[in-house]
């Protein structure tokens, strides 16, 4: 089943959710700030996205700037930082049929529907 990792307070995430709703396809909404993502799940998402963990980090978040910016972090440390601070995860993320995209811009979601 298709999934969207969604933050209702984010305008891009809301736009991504609308694209999925308009598609009339079945999908599951995961509000990842309310339902924590495990390190294993996040690692799998990163593999599907075919990116490095650091590419999924919202580097303008205060949590990142205050605690991690400028430090040498391993990929697993970056994943741990995102699991412990889910606000750091770029959003929305949509997964469908073994493919994933970050919906920035939200129109990218259409490429995997």
PDB file of N, CA and C in Angstrom:
ATOM      1  N   UNK A   1       0.829  -1.195   0.000  1.00  0.00           N
ATOM      2  CA  UNK A   1       0.000   0.000   0.000  1.00  0.00           C
ATOM      3  C   UNK A   1       0.871   1.255   0.000  1.00  0.00           C
ATOM      4  N   UNK A   2       0.416   2.254  -0.717  1.00  0.00           N
ATOM      5  CA  UNK A   2       1.119   3.533  -0.785  1.00  0.00           C
ATOM      6  C   UNK A   2       1.066   4.211   0.583  1.00  0.00           C
ATOM      7  N   UNK A   3       2.166   4.919   0.927  1.00  0.00           N
ATOM      8  CA  UNK A   3       2.246   5.625   2.204  1.00  0.00           C
ATOM      9  C   UNK A   3       2.720   7.045   1.960  1.00  0.00           C
ATOM     10  N   UNK A   4       2.224   7.945   2.796  1.00  0.00           N
ATOM     11  CA  UNK A   4       2.782   9.299   2.837  1.00  0.00           C
ATOM     12  C   UNK A   4       3.196   9.574   4.280  1.00  0.00           C
ATOM     13  N   UNK A   5       4.446   9.980   4.445  1.00  0.00           N
ATOM     14  CA  UNK A   5       4.932  10.433   5.744  1.00  0.00           C
ATOM     15  C   UNK A   5       4.659  11.926   5.768  1.00  0.00           C
ATOM     16  N   UNK A   6       3.758  12.314   6.657  1.00  0.00           N
ATOM     17  CA  UNK A   6       3.088  13.612   6.571  1.00  0.00           C
ATOM     18  C   UNK A   6       3.220  14.396   7.868  1.00  0.00           C
ATOM     19  N   UNK A   7       3.403  15.712   7.708  1.00  0.00           N
ATOM     20  CA  UNK A   7       3.352  16.648   8.827  1.00  0.00           C
ATOM     21  C   UNK A   7       2.265  17.674   8.482  1.00  0.00           C
ATOM     22  N   UNK A   8       1.114  17.609   9.171  1.00  0.00           N
ATOM     23  CA  UNK A   8      -0.001  18.500   8.847  1.00  0.00           C
ATOM     24  C   UNK A   8       0.327  19.983   8.959  1.00  0.00           C
ATOM     25  N   UNK A   9       1.378  20.348   9.700  1.00  0.00           N
ATOM     26  CA  UNK A   9       1.724  21.763   9.863  1.00  0.00           C
ATOM     27  C   UNK A   9       2.566  22.302   8.705  1.00  0.00           C
ATOM     28  N   UNK A  10       2.969  21.411   7.793  1.00  0.00           N
ATOM     29  CA  UNK A  10       3.829  21.803   6.672  1.00  0.00           C
ATOM     30  C   UNK A  10       2.995  21.995   5.414  1.00  0.00           C
ATOM     31  N   UNK A  11       3.107  23.147   4.768  1.00  0.00           N
ATOM     32  CA  UNK A  11       2.295  23.426   3.580  1.00  0.00           C
ATOM     33  C   UNK A  11       2.629  22.468   2.432  1.00  0.00           C
ATOM     34  N   UNK A  12       3.904  22.147   2.229  1.00  0.00           N
ATOM     35  CA  UNK A  12       4.283  21.220   1.151  1.00  0.00           C
ATOM     36  C   UNK A  12       3.713  19.828   1.431  1.00  0.00           C
ATOM     37  N   UNK A  13       3.711  19.434   2.685  1.00  0.00           N
ATOM     38  CA  UNK A  13       3.162  18.131   3.059  1.00  0.00           C
ATOM     39  C   UNK A  13       1.647  18.109   2.825  1.00  0.00           C
ATOM     40  N   UNK A  14       0.981  19.194   3.162  1.00  0.00           N
ATOM     41  CA  UNK A  14      -0.475  19.271   2.915  1.00  0.00           C
ATOM     42  C   UNK A  14      -0.764  19.226   1.414  1.00  0.00           C
ATOM     43  N   UNK A  15       0.063  19.910   0.615  1.00  0.00           N
ATOM     44  CA  UNK A  15      -0.116  19.873  -0.834  1.00  0.00           C
ATOM     45  C   UNK A  15       0.102  18.456  -1.365  1.00  0.00           C
ATOM     46  N   UNK A  16       1.082  17.762  -0.821  1.00  0.00           N
ATOM     47  CA  UNK A  16       1.345  16.379  -1.225  1.00  0.00           C
ATOM     48  C   UNK A  16       0.174  15.473  -0.882  1.00  0.00           C
ATOM     49  N   UNK A  17      -0.395  15.662   0.296  1.00  0.00           N
ATOM     50  CA  UNK A  17      -1.553  14.873   0.716  1.00  0.00           C
ATOM     51  C   UNK A  17      -2.726  15.114  -0.235  1.00  0.00           C
ATOM     52  N   UNK A  18      -2.920  16.353  -0.642  1.00  0.00           N
ATOM     53  CA  UNK A  18      -4.002  16.680  -1.585  1.00  0.00           C
ATOM     54  C   UNK A  18      -3.802  15.961  -2.917  1.00  0.00           C
ATOM     55  N   UNK A  19      -2.564  15.903  -3.392  1.00  0.00           N
ATOM     56  CA  UNK A  19      -2.280  15.183  -4.643  1.00  0.00           C
ATOM     57  C   UNK A  19      -2.697  13.720  -4.508  1.00  0.00           C
ATOM     58  N   UNK A  20      -2.375  13.108  -3.381  1.00  0.00           N
ATOM     59  CA  UNK A  20      -2.754  11.704  -3.181  1.00  0.00           C
ATOM     60  C   UNK A  20      -4.265  11.554  -3.075  1.00  0.00           C
ATOM     61  N   UNK A  21      -4.910  12.454  -2.345  1.00  0.00           N
ATOM     62  CA  UNK A  21      -6.372  12.380  -2.221  1.00  0.00           C
ATOM     63  C   UNK A  21      -7.029  12.530  -3.589  1.00  0.00           C
ATOM     64  N   UNK A  22      -6.528  13.445  -4.402  1.00  0.00           N
ATOM     65  CA  UNK A  22      -7.085  13.675  -5.739  1.00  0.00           C
ATOM     66  C   UNK A  22      -6.848  12.488  -6.678  1.00  0.00           C
ATOM     67  N   UNK A  23      -5.812  11.682  -6.383  1.00  0.00           N
ATOM     68  CA  UNK A  23      -5.496  10.540  -7.248  1.00  0.00           C
ATOM     69  C   UNK A  23      -6.517   9.414  -7.101  1.00  0.00           C
ATOM     70  N   UNK A  24      -7.293   9.450  -6.017  1.00  0.00           N
ATOM     71  CA  UNK A  24      -8.306   8.424  -5.708  1.00  0.00           C
ATOM     72  C   UNK A  24      -7.683   7.047  -5.459  1.00  0.00           C
ATOM     73  N   UNK A  25      -6.367   6.970  -5.277  1.00  0.00           N
ATOM     74  CA  UNK A  25      -5.699   5.714  -4.960  1.00  0.00           C
ATOM     75  C   UNK A  25      -5.719   5.506  -3.452  1.00  0.00           C
ATOM     76  N   UNK A  26      -5.608   4.251  -3.038  1.00  0.00           N
ATOM     77  CA  UNK A  26      -5.549   3.952  -1.607  1.00  0.00           C
ATOM     78  C   UNK A  26      -4.157   4.279  -1.084  1.00  0.00           C
ATOM     79  N   UNK A  27      -4.110   4.900   0.066  1.00  0.00           N
ATOM     80  CA  UNK A  27      -2.831   5.184   0.702  1.00  0.00           C
ATOM     81  C   UNK A  27      -3.029   5.303   2.206  1.00  0.00           C
ATOM     82  N   UNK A  28      -1.920   5.178   2.906  1.00  0.00           N
ATOM     83  CA  UNK A  28      -1.915   5.293   4.357  1.00  0.00           C
ATOM     84  C   UNK A  28      -1.146   6.560   4.721  1.00  0.00           C
ATOM     85  N   UNK A  29      -1.719   7.353   5.611  1.00  0.00           N
ATOM     86  CA  UNK A  29      -1.055   8.562   6.083  1.00  0.00           C
ATOM     87  C   UNK A  29      -0.350   8.259   7.399  1.00  0.00           C
ATOM     88  N   UNK A  30       0.935   8.543   7.447  1.00  0.00           N
ATOM     89  CA  UNK A  30       1.711   8.351   8.670  1.00  0.00           C
ATOM     90  C   UNK A  30       2.152   9.730   9.149  1.00  0.00           C
ATOM     91  N   UNK A  31       1.571  10.150  10.254  1.00  0.00           N
ATOM     92  CA  UNK A  31       1.969  11.429  10.860  1.00  0.00           C
ATOM     93  C   UNK A  31       3.200  11.137  11.706  1.00  0.00           C
ATOM     94  N   UNK A  32       4.360  11.268  11.087  1.00  0.00           N
ATOM     95  CA  UNK A  32       5.597  10.780  11.689  1.00  0.00           C
ATOM     96  C   UNK A  32       6.028  11.553  12.939  1.00  0.00           C
ATOM     97  N   UNK A  33       5.445  12.715  13.179  1.00  0.00           N
ATOM     98  CA  UNK A  33       5.759  13.418  14.431  1.00  0.00           C
ATOM     99  C   UNK A  33       4.991  12.790  15.596  1.00  0.00           C
ATOM    100  N   UNK A  34       3.849  12.158  15.296  1.00  0.00           N
ATOM    101  CA  UNK A  34       3.033  11.495  16.321  1.00  0.00           C
ATOM    102  C   UNK A  34       3.378  10.019  16.452  1.00  0.00           C
ATOM    103  N   UNK A  35       3.758   9.393  15.331  1.00  0.00           N
ATOM    104  CA  UNK A  35       4.090   7.970  15.300  1.00  0.00           C
ATOM    105  C   UNK A  35       5.556   7.853  14.915  1.00  0.00           C
ATOM    106  N   UNK A  36       6.430   7.707  15.904  1.00  0.00           N
ATOM    107  CA  UNK A  36       7.869   7.711  15.607  1.00  0.00           C
ATOM    108  C   UNK A  36       8.271   6.647  14.584  1.00  0.00           C
ATOM    109  N   UNK A  37       9.256   6.992  13.778  1.00  0.00           N
ATOM    110  CA  UNK A  37       9.825   6.081  12.788  1.00  0.00           C
ATOM    111  C   UNK A  37      11.043   5.414  13.421  1.00  0.00           C
ATOM    112  N   UNK A  38      11.160   4.104  13.258  1.00  0.00           N
ATOM    113  CA  UNK A  38      12.326   3.392  13.791  1.00  0.00           C
ATOM    114  C   UNK A  38      13.541   3.649  12.898  1.00  0.00           C
ATOM    115  N   UNK A  39      14.726   3.363  13.441  1.00  0.00           N
ATOM    116  CA  UNK A  39      15.948   3.524  12.637  1.00  0.00           C
ATOM    117  C   UNK A  39      15.900   2.603  11.427  1.00  0.00           C
ATOM    118  N   UNK A  40      15.380   1.394  11.608  1.00  0.00           N
ATOM    119  CA  UNK A  40      15.292   0.439  10.500  1.00  0.00           C
ATOM    120  C   UNK A  40      14.355   0.957   9.403  1.00  0.00           C
ATOM    121  N   UNK A  41      13.206   1.467   9.826  1.00  0.00           N
ATOM    122  CA  UNK A  41      12.237   1.995   8.852  1.00  0.00           C
ATOM    123  C   UNK A  41      12.830   3.194   8.100  1.00  0.00           C
ATOM    124  N   UNK A  42      13.470   4.094   8.831  1.00  0.00           N
ATOM    125  CA  UNK A  42      14.066   5.268   8.195  1.00  0.00           C
ATOM    126  C   UNK A  42      15.193   4.857   7.249  1.00  0.00           C
ATOM    127  N   UNK A  43      15.988   3.877   7.632  1.00  0.00           N
ATOM    128  CA  UNK A  43      17.056   3.376   6.758  1.00  0.00           C
ATOM    129  C   UNK A  43      16.472   2.815   5.467  1.00  0.00           C
ATOM    130  N   UNK A  44      15.359   2.090   5.574  1.00  0.00           N
ATOM    131  CA  UNK A  44      14.701   1.541   4.387  1.00  0.00           C
ATOM    132  C   UNK A  44      14.173   2.653   3.482  1.00  0.00           C
ATOM    133  N   UNK A  45      13.596   3.691   4.089  1.00  0.00           N
ATOM    134  CA  UNK A  45      13.091   4.829   3.317  1.00  0.00           C
ATOM    135  C   UNK A  45      14.242   5.481   2.553  1.00  0.00           C
ATOM    136  N   UNK A  46      15.372   5.671   3.230  1.00  0.00           N
ATOM    137  CA  UNK A  46      16.542   6.310   2.610  1.00  0.00           C
ATOM    138  C   UNK A  46      17.040   5.463   1.433  1.00  0.00           C
ATOM    139  N   UNK A  47      17.036   4.135   1.587  1.00  0.00           N
ATOM    140  CA  UNK A  47      17.430   3.247   0.480  1.00  0.00           C
ATOM    141  C   UNK A  47      16.475   3.407  -0.698  1.00  0.00           C
ATOM    142  N   UNK A  48      15.167   3.452  -0.421  1.00  0.00           N
ATOM    143  CA  UNK A  48      14.184   3.613  -1.501  1.00  0.00           C
ATOM    144  C   UNK A  48      14.362   4.955  -2.210  1.00  0.00           C
ATOM    145  N   UNK A  49      14.702   5.986  -1.443  1.00  0.00           N
ATOM    146  CA  UNK A  49      14.921   7.312  -2.025  1.00  0.00           C
ATOM    147  C   UNK A  49      16.229   7.372  -2.811  1.00  0.00           C
ATOM    148  N   UNK A  50      17.140   6.426  -2.527  1.00  0.00           N
ATOM    149  CA  UNK A  50      18.444   6.364  -3.172  1.00  0.00           C
ATOM    150  C   UNK A  50      19.238   7.653  -2.931  1.00  0.00           C
ATOM    151  N   UNK A  51      19.269   8.044  -1.654  1.00  0.00           N
ATOM    152  CA  UNK A  51      20.016   9.239  -1.241  1.00  0.00           C
ATOM    153  C   UNK A  51      20.850   8.901  -0.009  1.00  0.00           C
ATOM    154  N   UNK A  52      21.734   9.808   0.370  1.00  0.00           N
ATOM    155  CA  UNK A  52      22.464   9.686   1.630  1.00  0.00           C
ATOM    156  C   UNK A  52      21.568  10.219   2.746  1.00  0.00           C
ATOM    157  N   UNK A  53      21.725   9.697   3.949  1.00  0.00           N
ATOM    158  CA  UNK A  53      20.894  10.189   5.065  1.00  0.00           C
ATOM    159  C   UNK A  53      20.930  11.707   5.218  1.00  0.00           C
ATOM    160  N   UNK A  54      22.094  12.305   5.031  1.00  0.00           N
ATOM    161  CA  UNK A  54      22.209  13.756   5.211  1.00  0.00           C
ATOM    162  C   UNK A  54      21.309  14.520   4.242  1.00  0.00           C
ATOM    163  N   UNK A  55      20.990  13.908   3.087  1.00  0.00           N
ATOM    164  CA  UNK A  55      20.139  14.566   2.098  1.00  0.00           C
ATOM    165  C   UNK A  55      18.672  14.604   2.507  1.00  0.00           C
ATOM    166  N   UNK A  56      18.327  13.887   3.569  1.00  0.00           N
ATOM    167  CA  UNK A  56      16.953  13.878   4.064  1.00  0.00           C
ATOM    168  C   UNK A  56      16.773  14.839   5.248  1.00  0.00           C
ATOM    169  N   UNK A  57      17.866  15.460   5.679  1.00  0.00           N
ATOM    170  CA  UNK A  57      17.836  16.342   6.847  1.00  0.00           C
ATOM    171  C   UNK A  57      17.411  17.753   6.453  1.00  0.00           C
ATOM    172  N   UNK A  58      16.510  18.309   7.259  1.00  0.00           N
ATOM    173  CA  UNK A  58      16.131  19.720   7.129  1.00  0.00           C
ATOM    174  C   UNK A  58      17.179  20.532   7.894  1.00  0.00           C
ATOM    175  N   UNK A  59      18.152  21.031   7.154  1.00  0.00           N
ATOM    176  CA  UNK A  59      19.317  21.657   7.788  1.00  0.00           C
ATOM    177  C   UNK A  59      19.048  23.057   8.334  1.00  0.00           C
ATOM    178  N   UNK A  60      17.897  23.633   8.035  1.00  0.00           N
ATOM    179  CA  UNK A  60      17.572  24.959   8.577  1.00  0.00           C
ATOM    180  C   UNK A  60      16.815  24.889   9.896  1.00  0.00           C
ATOM    181  N   UNK A  61      16.507  23.668  10.350  1.00  0.00           N
ATOM    182  CA  UNK A  61      15.825  23.528  11.647  1.00  0.00           C
ATOM    183  C   UNK A  61      16.783  23.918  12.770  1.00  0.00           C
ATOM    184  N   UNK A  62      16.244  24.590  13.780  1.00  0.00           N
ATOM    185  CA  UNK A  62      17.058  25.019  14.930  1.00  0.00           C
ATOM    186  C   UNK A  62      17.737  23.826  15.600  1.00  0.00           C
ATOM    187  N   UNK A  63      17.033  22.701  15.693  1.00  0.00           N
ATOM    188  CA  UNK A  63      17.606  21.499  16.333  1.00  0.00           C
ATOM    189  C   UNK A  63      18.905  21.099  15.622  1.00  0.00           C
ATOM    190  N   UNK A  64      18.898  21.158  14.285  1.00  0.00           N
ATOM    191  CA  UNK A  64      20.095  20.789  13.528  1.00  0.00           C
ATOM    192  C   UNK A  64      21.211  21.798  13.766  1.00  0.00           C
ATOM    193  N   UNK A  65      20.875  23.074  13.630  1.00  0.00           N
ATOM    194  CA  UNK A  65      21.892  24.122  13.764  1.00  0.00           C
ATOM    195  C   UNK A  65      22.536  24.105  15.145  1.00  0.00           C
ATOM    196  N   UNK A  66      21.719  23.882  16.180  1.00  0.00           N
ATOM    197  CA  UNK A  66      22.226  23.948  17.554  1.00  0.00           C
ATOM    198  C   UNK A  66      22.988  22.700  17.985  1.00  0.00           C
ATOM    199  N   UNK A  67      22.635  21.538  17.421  1.00  0.00           N
ATOM    200  CA  UNK A  67      23.193  20.288  17.933  1.00  0.00           C
ATOM    201  C   UNK A  67      24.105  19.517  16.977  1.00  0.00           C
ATOM    202  N   UNK A  68      23.950  19.736  15.678  1.00  0.00           N
ATOM    203  CA  UNK A  68      24.646  18.863  14.732  1.00  0.00           C
ATOM    204  C   UNK A  68      25.473  19.586  13.676  1.00  0.00           C
ATOM    205  N   UNK A  69      25.090  20.797  13.326  1.00  0.00           N
ATOM    206  CA  UNK A  69      25.757  21.516  12.230  1.00  0.00           C
ATOM    207  C   UNK A  69      27.259  21.612  12.490  1.00  0.00           C
ATOM    208  N   UNK A  70      28.022  21.304  11.439  1.00  0.00           N
ATOM    209  CA  UNK A  70      29.477  21.427  11.521  1.00  0.00           C
ATOM    210  C   UNK A  70      30.170  20.237  12.148  1.00  0.00           C
ATOM    211  N   UNK A  71      29.421  19.247  12.627  1.00  0.00           N
ATOM    212  CA  UNK A  71      30.025  18.060  13.230  1.00  0.00           C
ATOM    213  C   UNK A  71      30.188  16.978  12.177  1.00  0.00           C
ATOM    214  N   UNK A  72      31.224  16.168  12.353  1.00  0.00           N
ATOM    215  CA  UNK A  72      31.430  15.010  11.476  1.00  0.00           C
ATOM    216  C   UNK A  72      30.546  13.878  11.996  1.00  0.00           C
ATOM    217  N   UNK A  73      29.509  13.551  11.245  1.00  0.00           N
ATOM    218  CA  UNK A  73      28.583  12.501  11.671  1.00  0.00           C
ATOM    219  C   UNK A  73      28.591  11.358  10.668  1.00  0.00           C
ATOM    220  N   UNK A  74      28.558  10.131  11.188  1.00  0.00           N
ATOM    221  CA  UNK A  74      28.430   8.974  10.300  1.00  0.00           C
ATOM    222  C   UNK A  74      26.987   8.915   9.798  1.00  0.00           C
ATOM    223  N   UNK A  75      26.762   8.103   8.767  1.00  0.00           N
ATOM    224  CA  UNK A  75      25.398   7.955   8.258  1.00  0.00           C
ATOM    225  C   UNK A  75      24.468   7.454   9.357  1.00  0.00           C
ATOM    226  N   UNK A  76      24.936   6.515  10.160  1.00  0.00           N
ATOM    227  CA  UNK A  76      24.064   5.993  11.220  1.00  0.00           C
ATOM    228  C   UNK A  76      23.794   7.052  12.291  1.00  0.00           C
ATOM    229  N   UNK A  77      24.733   7.943  12.555  1.00  0.00           N
ATOM    230  CA  UNK A  77      24.497   9.030  13.509  1.00  0.00           C
ATOM    231  C   UNK A  77      23.471  10.028  12.961  1.00  0.00           C
ATOM    232  N   UNK A  78      23.503  10.279  11.655  1.00  0.00           N
ATOM    233  CA  UNK A  78      22.524  11.178  11.032  1.00  0.00           C
ATOM    234  C   UNK A  78      21.131  10.545  11.138  1.00  0.00           C
ATOM    235  N   UNK A  79      21.029   9.249  10.873  1.00  0.00           N
ATOM    236  CA  UNK A  79      19.741   8.546  10.986  1.00  0.00           C
ATOM    237  C   UNK A  79      19.241   8.605  12.422  1.00  0.00           C
ATOM    238  N   UNK A  80      20.119   8.356  13.372  1.00  0.00           N
ATOM    239  CA  UNK A  80      19.735   8.427  14.790  1.00  0.00           C
ATOM    240  C   UNK A  80      19.237   9.827  15.147  1.00  0.00           C
ATOM    241  N   UNK A  81      19.907  10.848  14.654  1.00  0.00           N
ATOM    242  CA  UNK A  81      19.484  12.237  14.921  1.00  0.00           C
ATOM    243  C   UNK A  81      18.070  12.468  14.405  1.00  0.00           C
ATOM    244  N   UNK A  82      17.753  11.948  13.202  1.00  0.00           N
ATOM    245  CA  UNK A  82      16.407  12.127  12.643  1.00  0.00           C
ATOM    246  C   UNK A  82      15.368  11.323  13.418  1.00  0.00           C
ATOM    247  N   UNK A  83      15.729  10.120  13.852  1.00  0.00           N
ATOM    248  CA  UNK A  83      14.788   9.307  14.634  1.00  0.00           C
ATOM    249  C   UNK A  83      14.495   9.993  15.965  1.00  0.00           C
ATOM    250  N   UNK A  84      15.520  10.537  16.594  1.00  0.00           N
ATOM    251  CA  UNK A  84      15.347  11.209  17.884  1.00  0.00           C
ATOM    252  C   UNK A  84      14.686  12.575  17.745  1.00  0.00           C
ATOM    253  N   UNK A  85      14.811  13.193  16.573  1.00  0.00           N
ATOM    254  CA  UNK A  85      14.259  14.534  16.307  1.00  0.00           C
ATOM    255  C   UNK A  85      13.544  14.505  14.959  1.00  0.00           C
ATOM    256  N   UNK A  86      12.346  13.915  14.891  1.00  0.00           N
ATOM    257  CA  UNK A  86      11.687  13.730  13.596  1.00  0.00           C
ATOM    258  C   UNK A  86      11.399  15.028  12.829  1.00  0.00           C
ATOM    259  N   UNK A  87      11.430  16.175  13.517  1.00  0.00           N
ATOM    260  CA  UNK A  87      11.270  17.449  12.799  1.00  0.00           C
ATOM    261  C   UNK A  87      12.371  17.654  11.772  1.00  0.00           C
ATOM    262  N   UNK A  88      13.482  16.940  11.930  1.00  0.00           N
ATOM    263  CA  UNK A  88      14.609  17.077  11.012  1.00  0.00           C
ATOM    264  C   UNK A  88      14.371  16.369   9.680  1.00  0.00           C
ATOM    265  N   UNK A  89      13.352  15.521   9.594  1.00  0.00           N
ATOM    266  CA  UNK A  89      13.110  14.742   8.382  1.00  0.00           C
ATOM    267  C   UNK A  89      12.386  15.597   7.341  1.00  0.00           C
ATOM    268  N   UNK A  90      12.976  15.641   6.154  1.00  0.00           N
ATOM    269  CA  UNK A  90      12.367  16.359   5.028  1.00  0.00           C
ATOM    270  C   UNK A  90      11.002  15.735   4.730  1.00  0.00           C
ATOM    271  N   UNK A  91      10.054  16.526   4.293  1.00  0.00           N
ATOM    272  CA  UNK A  91       8.696  16.042   4.080  1.00  0.00           C
ATOM    273  C   UNK A  91       8.034  16.724   2.906  1.00  0.00           C
ATOM    274  N   UNK A  92       6.981  16.129   2.386  1.00  0.00           N
ATOM    275  CA  UNK A  92       6.469  14.785   2.658  1.00  0.00           C
ATOM    276  C   UNK A  92       7.282  13.741   1.899  1.00  0.00           C
ATOM    277  N   UNK A  93       7.240  12.521   2.383  1.00  0.00           N
ATOM    278  CA  UNK A  93       7.843  11.389   1.685  1.00  0.00           C
ATOM    279  C   UNK A  93       6.698  10.478   1.277  1.00  0.00           C
ATOM    280  N   UNK A  94       6.688  10.080   0.013  1.00  0.00           N
ATOM    281  CA  UNK A  94       5.662   9.154  -0.476  1.00  0.00           C
ATOM    282  C   UNK A  94       6.358   7.910  -0.997  1.00  0.00           C
ATOM    283  N   UNK A  95       5.823   6.758  -0.594  1.00  0.00           N
ATOM    284  CA  UNK A  95       6.341   5.464  -1.035  1.00  0.00           C
ATOM    285  C   UNK A  95       5.222   4.727  -1.753  1.00  0.00           C
ATOM    286  N   UNK A  96       5.549   4.196  -2.938  1.00  0.00           N
ATOM    287  CA  UNK A  96       4.567   3.454  -3.719  1.00  0.00           C
ATOM    288  C   UNK A  96       5.287   2.421  -4.577  1.00  0.00           C
ATOM    289  N   UNK A  97       4.868   1.170  -4.455  1.00  0.00           N
ATOM    290  CA  UNK A  97       5.418   0.085  -5.289  1.00  0.00           C
ATOM    291  C   UNK A  97       6.946   0.052  -5.308  1.00  0.00           C
ATOM    292  N   UNK A  98       7.562   0.132  -4.139  1.00  0.00           N
ATOM    293  CA  UNK A  98       9.015   0.032  -4.062  1.00  0.00           C
ATOM    294  C   UNK A  98       9.771   1.259  -4.527  1.00  0.00           C
ATOM    295  N   UNK A  99       9.063   2.358  -4.748  1.00  0.00           N
ATOM    296  CA  UNK A  99       9.700   3.621  -5.136  1.00  0.00           C
ATOM    297  C   UNK A  99       9.327   4.670  -4.105  1.00  0.00           C
ATOM    298  N   UNK A 100      10.174   5.673  -3.973  1.00  0.00           N
ATOM    299  CA  UNK A 100       9.905   6.741  -3.011  1.00  0.00           C
ATOM    300  C   UNK A 100      10.373   8.071  -3.566  1.00  0.00           C
ATOM    301  N   UNK A 101       9.680   9.129  -3.161  1.00  0.00           N
ATOM    302  CA  UNK A 101      10.093  10.490  -3.504  1.00  0.00           C
ATOM    303  C   UNK A 101       9.852  11.404  -2.311  1.00  0.00           C
ATOM    304  N   UNK A 102      10.657  12.448  -2.266  1.00  0.00           N
ATOM    305  CA  UNK A 102      10.399  13.548  -1.343  1.00  0.00           C
ATOM    306  C   UNK A 102       9.568  14.538  -2.137  1.00  0.00           C
ATOM    307  N   UNK A 103       8.413  14.898  -1.618  1.00  0.00           N
ATOM    308  CA  UNK A 103       7.489  15.768  -2.351  1.00  0.00           C
ATOM    309  C   UNK A 103       7.864  17.232  -2.291  1.00  0.00           C
ATOM    310  N   UNK A 104       9.051  17.558  -2.740  1.00  0.00           N
ATOM    311  CA  UNK A 104       9.517  18.943  -2.826  1.00  0.00           C
ATOM    312  C   UNK A 104      10.100  19.161  -4.206  1.00  0.00           C
ATOM    313  N   UNK A 105       9.387  19.751  -5.112  1.00  0.00           N
ATOM    314  CA  UNK A 105       8.016  20.252  -4.973  1.00  0.00           C
ATOM    315  C   UNK A 105       7.007  19.092  -4.946  1.00  0.00           C
ATOM    316  N   UNK A 106       5.805  19.361  -4.424  1.00  0.00           N
ATOM    317  CA  UNK A 106       4.798  18.304  -4.279  1.00  0.00           C
ATOM    318  C   UNK A 106       4.474  17.566  -5.586  1.00  0.00           C
ATOM    319  N   UNK A 107       4.618  18.222  -6.714  1.00  0.00           N
ATOM    320  CA  UNK A 107       4.317  17.605  -7.999  1.00  0.00           C
ATOM    321  C   UNK A 107       5.179  16.374  -8.276  1.00  0.00           C
ATOM    322  N   UNK A 108       6.326  16.270  -7.617  1.00  0.00           N
ATOM    323  CA  UNK A 108       7.183  15.091  -7.795  1.00  0.00           C
ATOM    324  C   UNK A 108       6.458  13.799  -7.413  1.00  0.00           C
ATOM    325  N   UNK A 109       5.481  13.915  -6.518  1.00  0.00           N
ATOM    326  CA  UNK A 109       4.727  12.743  -6.065  1.00  0.00           C
ATOM    327  C   UNK A 109       4.041  12.059  -7.251  1.00  0.00           C
ATOM    328  N   UNK A 110       3.599  12.836  -8.213  1.00  0.00           N
ATOM    329  CA  UNK A 110       2.892  12.270  -9.373  1.00  0.00           C
ATOM    330  C   UNK A 110       3.770  11.294 -10.146  1.00  0.00           C
ATOM    331  N   UNK A 111       5.082  11.412 -10.026  1.00  0.00           N
ATOM    332  CA  UNK A 111       6.001  10.554 -10.791  1.00  0.00           C
ATOM    333  C   UNK A 111       5.965   9.099 -10.318  1.00  0.00           C
ATOM    334  N   UNK A 112       5.424   8.830  -9.128  1.00  0.00           N
ATOM    335  CA  UNK A 112       5.376   7.439  -8.667  1.00  0.00           C
ATOM    336  C   UNK A 112       3.944   6.923  -8.456  1.00  0.00           C
ATOM    337  N   UNK A 113       2.958   7.678  -8.907  1.00  0.00           N
ATOM    338  CA  UNK A 113       1.580   7.223  -8.746  1.00  0.00           C
ATOM    339  C   UNK A 113       1.233   6.174  -9.786  1.00  0.00           C
TER     340      UNK A 113
END
